[in-house]
Amino acid sequence: MSIHVENTLQKTNKEAFEQRAHYVPCKVEEDGPANVEKYFEPYVVEEDGEITASFRGHSLDGTKMSFPEGYRAVVATEAKRPLSEDADRKFHVVGGFKDFIYWNWDKKPSKNDNMVKALDWIDIADAIHGD
């Protein structure tokens, strides 16, 4: 099995690569589009440098995180999933983002969170293996 990722978006389409993104610590049993702008973002409150929200009755504490310089996330979608696990898969890039809001439901985000540590490893790897 191989995975192919195809980027047919034009680099001039800046809006597609500047999407808003949220990392919410939950699993939603749905794989389609979500109307985040209508049902989640109106309840995001930024006060005194802190970001709070609520999702399905659970309060969330958030922080804005950015990828290191030269990095960005891409959003890819698969138009048709193959019938077999051994078949080749093809994804299309539909957008991307440079920063996102990272949410915790049981504590305030900190440097001890796995997401923060993962992004720190990018800088550490560049320092060790970079030019």
N, C-alpha and C. Protein backbone atom coordinates (compact mmCIF):
# COMPACT_ATOMS: atom_id res chain seq x y z
N MET A 1 0.84 -1.17 0.00
CA MET A 1 0.00 0.00 0.00
C MET A 1 0.89 1.24 0.00
N SER A 2 0.51 2.21 -0.77
CA SER A 2 1.21 3.48 -0.77
C SER A 2 0.20 4.60 -0.58
N ILE A 3 0.70 5.71 -0.07
CA ILE A 3 -0.15 6.88 0.15
C ILE A 3 0.40 8.01 -0.70
N HIS A 4 -0.47 8.59 -1.52
CA HIS A 4 -0.11 9.71 -2.39
C HIS A 4 -0.84 10.95 -1.89
N VAL A 5 -0.11 12.06 -1.76
CA VAL A 5 -0.72 13.33 -1.38
C VAL A 5 -0.48 14.29 -2.53
N GLU A 6 -1.57 14.81 -3.07
CA GLU A 6 -1.49 15.70 -4.23
C GLU A 6 -1.94 17.10 -3.83
N ASN A 7 -1.13 18.08 -4.17
CA ASN A 7 -1.46 19.47 -3.87
C ASN A 7 -1.80 20.18 -5.18
N THR A 8 -3.08 20.41 -5.40
CA THR A 8 -3.53 21.10 -6.61
C THR A 8 -3.90 22.55 -6.32
N LEU A 9 -3.75 22.97 -5.05
CA LEU A 9 -4.06 24.35 -4.71
C LEU A 9 -2.95 25.27 -5.20
N GLN A 10 -3.33 26.44 -5.62
CA GLN A 10 -2.36 27.44 -6.06
C GLN A 10 -1.77 28.14 -4.84
N LYS A 11 -0.48 28.45 -4.88
CA LYS A 11 0.15 29.16 -3.77
C LYS A 11 -0.43 30.55 -3.61
N THR A 12 -1.07 31.07 -4.66
CA THR A 12 -1.68 32.39 -4.57
C THR A 12 -2.99 32.35 -3.80
N ASN A 13 -3.52 31.16 -3.53
CA ASN A 13 -4.76 31.02 -2.78
C ASN A 13 -4.44 31.06 -1.28
N LYS A 14 -4.10 32.25 -0.79
CA LYS A 14 -3.67 32.41 0.61
C LYS A 14 -4.77 32.06 1.59
N GLU A 15 -6.01 32.33 1.25
CA GLU A 15 -7.13 32.05 2.17
C GLU A 15 -7.20 30.57 2.53
N ALA A 16 -6.93 29.70 1.58
CA ALA A 16 -6.98 28.26 1.84
C ALA A 16 -5.90 27.83 2.82
N PHE A 17 -4.78 28.54 2.84
CA PHE A 17 -3.68 28.16 3.71
C PHE A 17 -3.63 28.99 5.01
N GLU A 18 -4.66 29.77 5.26
CA GLU A 18 -4.74 30.55 6.49
C GLU A 18 -6.04 30.25 7.22
N GLN A 19 -6.40 28.97 7.29
CA GLN A 19 -7.63 28.57 7.96
C GLN A 19 -7.45 28.64 9.47
N ARG A 20 -8.57 28.79 10.18
CA ARG A 20 -8.54 28.72 11.64
C ARG A 20 -8.67 27.25 12.03
N ALA A 21 -7.91 26.86 13.05
CA ALA A 21 -7.93 25.46 13.48
C ALA A 21 -7.98 25.39 15.00
N HIS A 22 -8.65 24.34 15.50
CA HIS A 22 -8.75 24.07 16.94
C HIS A 22 -8.36 22.63 17.18
N TYR A 23 -7.57 22.39 18.21
CA TYR A 23 -7.27 21.02 18.65
C TYR A 23 -8.05 20.80 19.94
N VAL A 24 -9.13 20.04 19.85
CA VAL A 24 -10.01 19.80 20.99
C VAL A 24 -9.80 18.37 21.47
N PRO A 25 -9.58 18.15 22.77
CA PRO A 25 -9.28 16.82 23.29
C PRO A 25 -10.52 15.94 23.44
N CYS A 26 -11.09 15.55 22.32
CA CYS A 26 -12.25 14.67 22.37
C CYS A 26 -12.35 13.91 21.05
N LYS A 27 -13.21 12.91 21.04
CA LYS A 27 -13.45 12.16 19.82
C LYS A 27 -14.91 12.36 19.44
N VAL A 28 -15.12 12.82 18.22
CA VAL A 28 -16.47 13.01 17.70
C VAL A 28 -16.67 11.96 16.64
N GLU A 29 -17.72 11.18 16.76
CA GLU A 29 -17.98 10.09 15.82
C GLU A 29 -18.57 10.63 14.51
N GLU A 30 -17.83 11.47 13.86
CA GLU A 30 -18.25 12.05 12.58
C GLU A 30 -17.00 12.37 11.80
N ASP A 31 -17.07 12.21 10.50
CA ASP A 31 -15.90 12.42 9.66
C ASP A 31 -16.15 13.49 8.60
N GLY A 32 -17.23 14.22 8.72
CA GLY A 32 -17.56 15.21 7.71
C GLY A 32 -17.28 16.61 8.18
N PRO A 33 -17.73 17.58 7.43
CA PRO A 33 -17.51 18.98 7.80
C PRO A 33 -18.29 19.35 9.07
N ALA A 34 -17.76 20.30 9.81
CA ALA A 34 -18.41 20.79 11.03
C ALA A 34 -18.58 22.30 10.91
N ASN A 35 -19.70 22.79 11.33
CA ASN A 35 -19.96 24.23 11.27
C ASN A 35 -19.41 24.88 12.54
N VAL A 36 -18.09 24.91 12.64
CA VAL A 36 -17.39 25.42 13.82
C VAL A 36 -17.68 26.90 14.01
N GLU A 37 -17.75 27.64 12.91
CA GLU A 37 -17.99 29.08 12.99
C GLU A 37 -19.32 29.40 13.66
N LYS A 38 -20.31 28.55 13.49
CA LYS A 38 -21.64 28.81 14.05
C LYS A 38 -21.81 28.21 15.45
N TYR A 39 -21.31 27.01 15.67
CA TYR A 39 -21.62 26.30 16.90
C TYR A 39 -20.51 26.28 17.95
N PHE A 40 -19.30 26.69 17.61
CA PHE A 40 -18.22 26.67 18.60
C PHE A 40 -17.58 28.04 18.80
N GLU A 41 -17.16 28.68 17.72
CA GLU A 41 -16.40 29.92 17.84
C GLU A 41 -17.16 31.07 18.51
N PRO A 42 -18.50 31.16 18.40
CA PRO A 42 -19.18 32.24 19.13
C PRO A 42 -19.04 32.12 20.65
N TYR A 43 -18.68 30.94 21.14
CA TYR A 43 -18.57 30.71 22.58
C TYR A 43 -17.12 30.76 23.08
N VAL A 44 -16.20 31.10 22.19
CA VAL A 44 -14.80 31.27 22.58
C VAL A 44 -14.64 32.68 23.13
N VAL A 45 -14.10 32.77 24.35
CA VAL A 45 -13.93 34.06 25.02
C VAL A 45 -12.45 34.30 25.28
N GLU A 46 -11.95 35.45 24.85
CA GLU A 46 -10.56 35.85 25.12
C GLU A 46 -10.59 37.03 26.08
N GLU A 47 -10.09 36.81 27.31
CA GLU A 47 -10.04 37.86 28.32
C GLU A 47 -8.71 37.81 29.05
N ASP A 48 -8.07 38.93 29.17
CA ASP A 48 -6.81 39.04 29.93
C ASP A 48 -5.78 38.01 29.49
N GLY A 49 -5.70 37.75 28.20
CA GLY A 49 -4.72 36.81 27.67
C GLY A 49 -5.09 35.35 27.81
N GLU A 50 -6.25 35.04 28.38
CA GLU A 50 -6.69 33.65 28.52
C GLU A 50 -7.84 33.38 27.56
N ILE A 51 -7.86 32.16 27.03
CA ILE A 51 -8.90 31.76 26.09
C ILE A 51 -9.72 30.65 26.74
N THR A 52 -11.03 30.82 26.78
CA THR A 52 -11.91 29.81 27.33
C THR A 52 -13.06 29.54 26.37
N ALA A 53 -13.66 28.37 26.48
CA ALA A 53 -14.80 28.00 25.65
C ALA A 53 -15.54 26.86 26.32
N SER A 54 -16.58 26.40 25.68
CA SER A 54 -17.34 25.25 26.16
C SER A 54 -17.68 24.38 24.97
N PHE A 55 -17.59 23.06 25.16
CA PHE A 55 -17.95 22.12 24.10
C PHE A 55 -18.76 21.00 24.72
N ARG A 56 -20.01 20.88 24.30
CA ARG A 56 -20.93 19.86 24.82
C ARG A 56 -20.98 19.86 26.35
N GLY A 57 -21.00 21.06 26.93
CA GLY A 57 -21.11 21.20 28.37
C GLY A 57 -19.81 21.11 29.13
N HIS A 58 -18.71 20.85 28.46
CA HIS A 58 -17.40 20.77 29.12
C HIS A 58 -16.66 22.09 28.91
N SER A 59 -16.17 22.67 30.01
CA SER A 59 -15.41 23.91 29.86
C SER A 59 -14.01 23.58 29.35
N LEU A 60 -13.49 24.46 28.53
CA LEU A 60 -12.18 24.29 27.91
C LEU A 60 -11.30 25.50 28.19
N ASP A 61 -10.02 25.25 28.44
CA ASP A 61 -9.02 26.30 28.54
C ASP A 61 -8.07 26.15 27.37
N GLY A 62 -7.77 27.26 26.69
CA GLY A 62 -6.95 27.16 25.49
C GLY A 62 -5.80 28.12 25.46
N THR A 63 -4.93 27.86 24.50
CA THR A 63 -3.81 28.75 24.22
C THR A 63 -3.53 28.70 22.72
N LYS A 64 -3.13 29.83 22.17
CA LYS A 64 -2.80 29.88 20.75
C LYS A 64 -1.38 29.37 20.56
N MET A 65 -1.21 28.42 19.66
CA MET A 65 0.11 27.84 19.38
C MET A 65 0.45 28.06 17.92
N SER A 66 1.72 28.28 17.65
CA SER A 66 2.18 28.46 16.28
C SER A 66 3.26 27.44 15.97
N PHE A 67 3.35 27.06 14.72
CA PHE A 67 4.42 26.18 14.29
C PHE A 67 5.70 26.99 14.15
N PRO A 68 6.85 26.35 14.31
CA PRO A 68 8.12 27.08 14.14
C PRO A 68 8.24 27.66 12.74
N GLU A 69 9.08 28.66 12.60
CA GLU A 69 9.31 29.32 11.31
C GLU A 69 9.66 28.28 10.24
N GLY A 70 9.01 28.38 9.10
CA GLY A 70 9.28 27.46 7.99
C GLY A 70 8.39 26.23 7.99
N TYR A 71 7.53 26.08 8.98
CA TYR A 71 6.63 24.93 9.06
C TYR A 71 5.19 25.39 9.02
N ARG A 72 4.32 24.52 8.54
CA ARG A 72 2.88 24.77 8.57
C ARG A 72 2.17 23.43 8.47
N ALA A 73 0.95 23.40 8.91
CA ALA A 73 0.15 22.18 8.81
C ALA A 73 -0.67 22.23 7.53
N VAL A 74 -0.92 21.09 6.96
CA VAL A 74 -1.80 21.01 5.80
C VAL A 74 -3.01 20.16 6.15
N VAL A 75 -4.13 20.49 5.52
CA VAL A 75 -5.35 19.71 5.68
C VAL A 75 -5.54 18.92 4.40
N ALA A 76 -5.61 17.60 4.54
CA ALA A 76 -5.76 16.74 3.36
C ALA A 76 -7.05 15.94 3.51
N THR A 77 -7.68 15.66 2.39
CA THR A 77 -8.91 14.87 2.40
C THR A 77 -8.80 13.76 1.37
N GLU A 78 -9.51 12.70 1.62
CA GLU A 78 -9.52 11.56 0.72
C GLU A 78 -10.90 11.49 0.08
N ALA A 79 -10.96 11.65 -1.23
CA ALA A 79 -12.24 11.67 -1.92
C ALA A 79 -12.93 10.32 -1.87
N LYS A 80 -12.19 9.26 -2.06
CA LYS A 80 -12.78 7.92 -2.10
C LYS A 80 -11.85 6.96 -1.37
N ARG A 81 -12.33 6.41 -0.28
CA ARG A 81 -11.52 5.46 0.48
C ARG A 81 -11.57 4.11 -0.22
N PRO A 82 -10.42 3.44 -0.36
CA PRO A 82 -10.40 2.15 -1.06
C PRO A 82 -11.14 1.07 -0.27
N LEU A 83 -11.56 0.04 -0.98
CA LEU A 83 -12.29 -1.05 -0.35
C LEU A 83 -11.38 -1.98 0.44
N SER A 84 -10.13 -2.03 0.08
CA SER A 84 -9.17 -2.92 0.73
C SER A 84 -8.11 -2.11 1.46
N GLU A 85 -7.61 -2.65 2.57
CA GLU A 85 -6.56 -1.98 3.33
C GLU A 85 -5.22 -1.98 2.58
N ASP A 86 -5.05 -2.89 1.65
CA ASP A 86 -3.80 -3.00 0.90
C ASP A 86 -3.76 -2.10 -0.34
N ALA A 87 -4.86 -1.49 -0.68
CA ALA A 87 -4.93 -0.66 -1.89
C ALA A 87 -4.24 0.68 -1.66
N ASP A 88 -3.76 1.27 -2.75
CA ASP A 88 -3.16 2.60 -2.68
C ASP A 88 -4.22 3.62 -2.27
N ARG A 89 -3.76 4.65 -1.57
CA ARG A 89 -4.67 5.71 -1.13
C ARG A 89 -4.20 7.03 -1.70
N LYS A 90 -5.17 7.91 -2.02
CA LYS A 90 -4.85 9.19 -2.63
C LYS A 90 -5.56 10.31 -1.86
N PHE A 91 -4.78 11.27 -1.40
CA PHE A 91 -5.30 12.40 -0.66
C PHE A 91 -5.05 13.69 -1.45
N HIS A 92 -5.90 14.69 -1.22
CA HIS A 92 -5.75 16.00 -1.85
C HIS A 92 -5.63 17.05 -0.76
N VAL A 93 -4.68 17.96 -0.92
CA VAL A 93 -4.52 19.06 0.02
C VAL A 93 -5.65 20.06 -0.24
N VAL A 94 -6.40 20.39 0.83
CA VAL A 94 -7.52 21.33 0.70
C VAL A 94 -7.29 22.62 1.48
N GLY A 95 -6.17 22.71 2.19
CA GLY A 95 -5.89 23.93 2.93
C GLY A 95 -4.76 23.71 3.91
N GLY A 96 -4.62 24.67 4.82
CA GLY A 96 -3.58 24.57 5.82
C GLY A 96 -3.67 25.70 6.81
N PHE A 97 -2.77 25.68 7.79
CA PHE A 97 -2.74 26.72 8.81
C PHE A 97 -1.36 26.80 9.43
N LYS A 98 -1.04 27.99 9.99
CA LYS A 98 0.26 28.21 10.62
C LYS A 98 0.14 28.21 12.14
N ASP A 99 -1.05 28.47 12.65
CA ASP A 99 -1.27 28.45 14.09
C ASP A 99 -2.64 27.88 14.39
N PHE A 100 -2.85 27.52 15.63
CA PHE A 100 -4.11 26.90 16.04
C PHE A 100 -4.33 27.15 17.52
N ILE A 101 -5.56 26.92 17.97
CA ILE A 101 -5.83 27.01 19.41
C ILE A 101 -5.84 25.60 19.96
N TYR A 102 -5.00 25.39 20.95
CA TYR A 102 -4.87 24.10 21.62
C TYR A 102 -5.70 24.16 22.90
N TRP A 103 -6.64 23.21 23.05
CA TRP A 103 -7.57 23.20 24.17
C TRP A 103 -7.29 22.04 25.12
N ASN A 104 -7.47 22.29 26.43
CA ASN A 104 -7.50 21.26 27.46
C ASN A 104 -8.83 21.37 28.19
N TRP A 105 -9.39 20.25 28.61
CA TRP A 105 -10.65 20.30 29.33
C TRP A 105 -10.47 20.11 30.83
N ASP A 106 -9.33 19.58 31.27
CA ASP A 106 -9.17 19.29 32.69
C ASP A 106 -8.10 20.14 33.37
N LYS A 107 -7.37 20.95 32.61
CA LYS A 107 -6.33 21.79 33.18
C LYS A 107 -5.97 22.87 32.17
N LYS A 108 -5.29 23.89 32.65
CA LYS A 108 -4.82 24.95 31.74
C LYS A 108 -3.65 24.41 30.93
N PRO A 109 -3.55 24.78 29.65
CA PRO A 109 -2.42 24.33 28.84
C PRO A 109 -1.09 24.78 29.46
N SER A 110 -0.09 23.89 29.40
CA SER A 110 1.21 24.21 29.97
C SER A 110 2.32 23.60 29.12
N LYS A 111 3.56 23.88 29.49
CA LYS A 111 4.71 23.32 28.78
C LYS A 111 4.84 21.81 28.97
N ASN A 112 4.09 21.24 29.90
CA ASN A 112 4.13 19.81 30.14
C ASN A 112 3.18 19.01 29.25
N ASP A 113 2.37 19.69 28.45
CA ASP A 113 1.42 19.00 27.56
C ASP A 113 2.16 18.38 26.38
N ASN A 114 1.68 17.23 25.94
CA ASN A 114 2.33 16.51 24.84
C ASN A 114 2.39 17.34 23.56
N MET A 115 1.37 18.12 23.27
CA MET A 115 1.37 18.93 22.05
C MET A 115 2.49 19.96 22.09
N VAL A 116 2.68 20.60 23.23
CA VAL A 116 3.74 21.60 23.37
C VAL A 116 5.10 20.92 23.23
N LYS A 117 5.26 19.77 23.86
CA LYS A 117 6.52 19.04 23.78
C LYS A 117 6.81 18.61 22.34
N ALA A 118 5.78 18.18 21.61
CA ALA A 118 5.97 17.75 20.22
C ALA A 118 6.48 18.90 19.36
N LEU A 119 5.90 20.09 19.53
CA LEU A 119 6.35 21.24 18.75
C LEU A 119 7.75 21.68 19.16
N ASP A 120 8.10 21.48 20.44
CA ASP A 120 9.46 21.79 20.88
C ASP A 120 10.48 20.89 20.20
N TRP A 121 10.10 19.65 19.92
CA TRP A 121 11.03 18.72 19.28
C TRP A 121 11.42 19.15 17.88
N ILE A 122 10.56 19.91 17.22
CA ILE A 122 10.92 20.43 15.89
C ILE A 122 12.13 21.34 16.01
N ASP A 123 12.11 22.24 16.98
CA ASP A 123 13.25 23.14 17.21
C ASP A 123 14.49 22.37 17.64
N ILE A 124 14.30 21.39 18.50
CA ILE A 124 15.45 20.58 18.97
C ILE A 124 16.06 19.82 17.80
N ALA A 125 15.23 19.22 16.94
CA ALA A 125 15.73 18.48 15.79
C ALA A 125 16.47 19.41 14.83
N ASP A 126 15.95 20.61 14.62
CA ASP A 126 16.64 21.57 13.76
C ASP A 126 18.01 21.95 14.34
N ALA A 127 18.07 22.10 15.66
CA ALA A 127 19.35 22.46 16.29
C ALA A 127 20.37 21.35 16.16
N ILE A 128 19.91 20.10 16.25
CA ILE A 128 20.83 18.97 16.18
C ILE A 128 21.22 18.65 14.74
N HIS A 129 20.23 18.62 13.85
CA HIS A 129 20.44 18.16 12.48
C HIS A 129 20.48 19.26 11.43
N GLY A 130 20.20 20.49 11.82
CA GLY A 130 20.14 21.59 10.86
C GLY A 130 21.49 21.96 10.31
N ASP A 131 21.45 22.86 9.36
CA ASP A 131 22.70 23.32 8.72
C ASP A 131 23.53 24.15 9.65
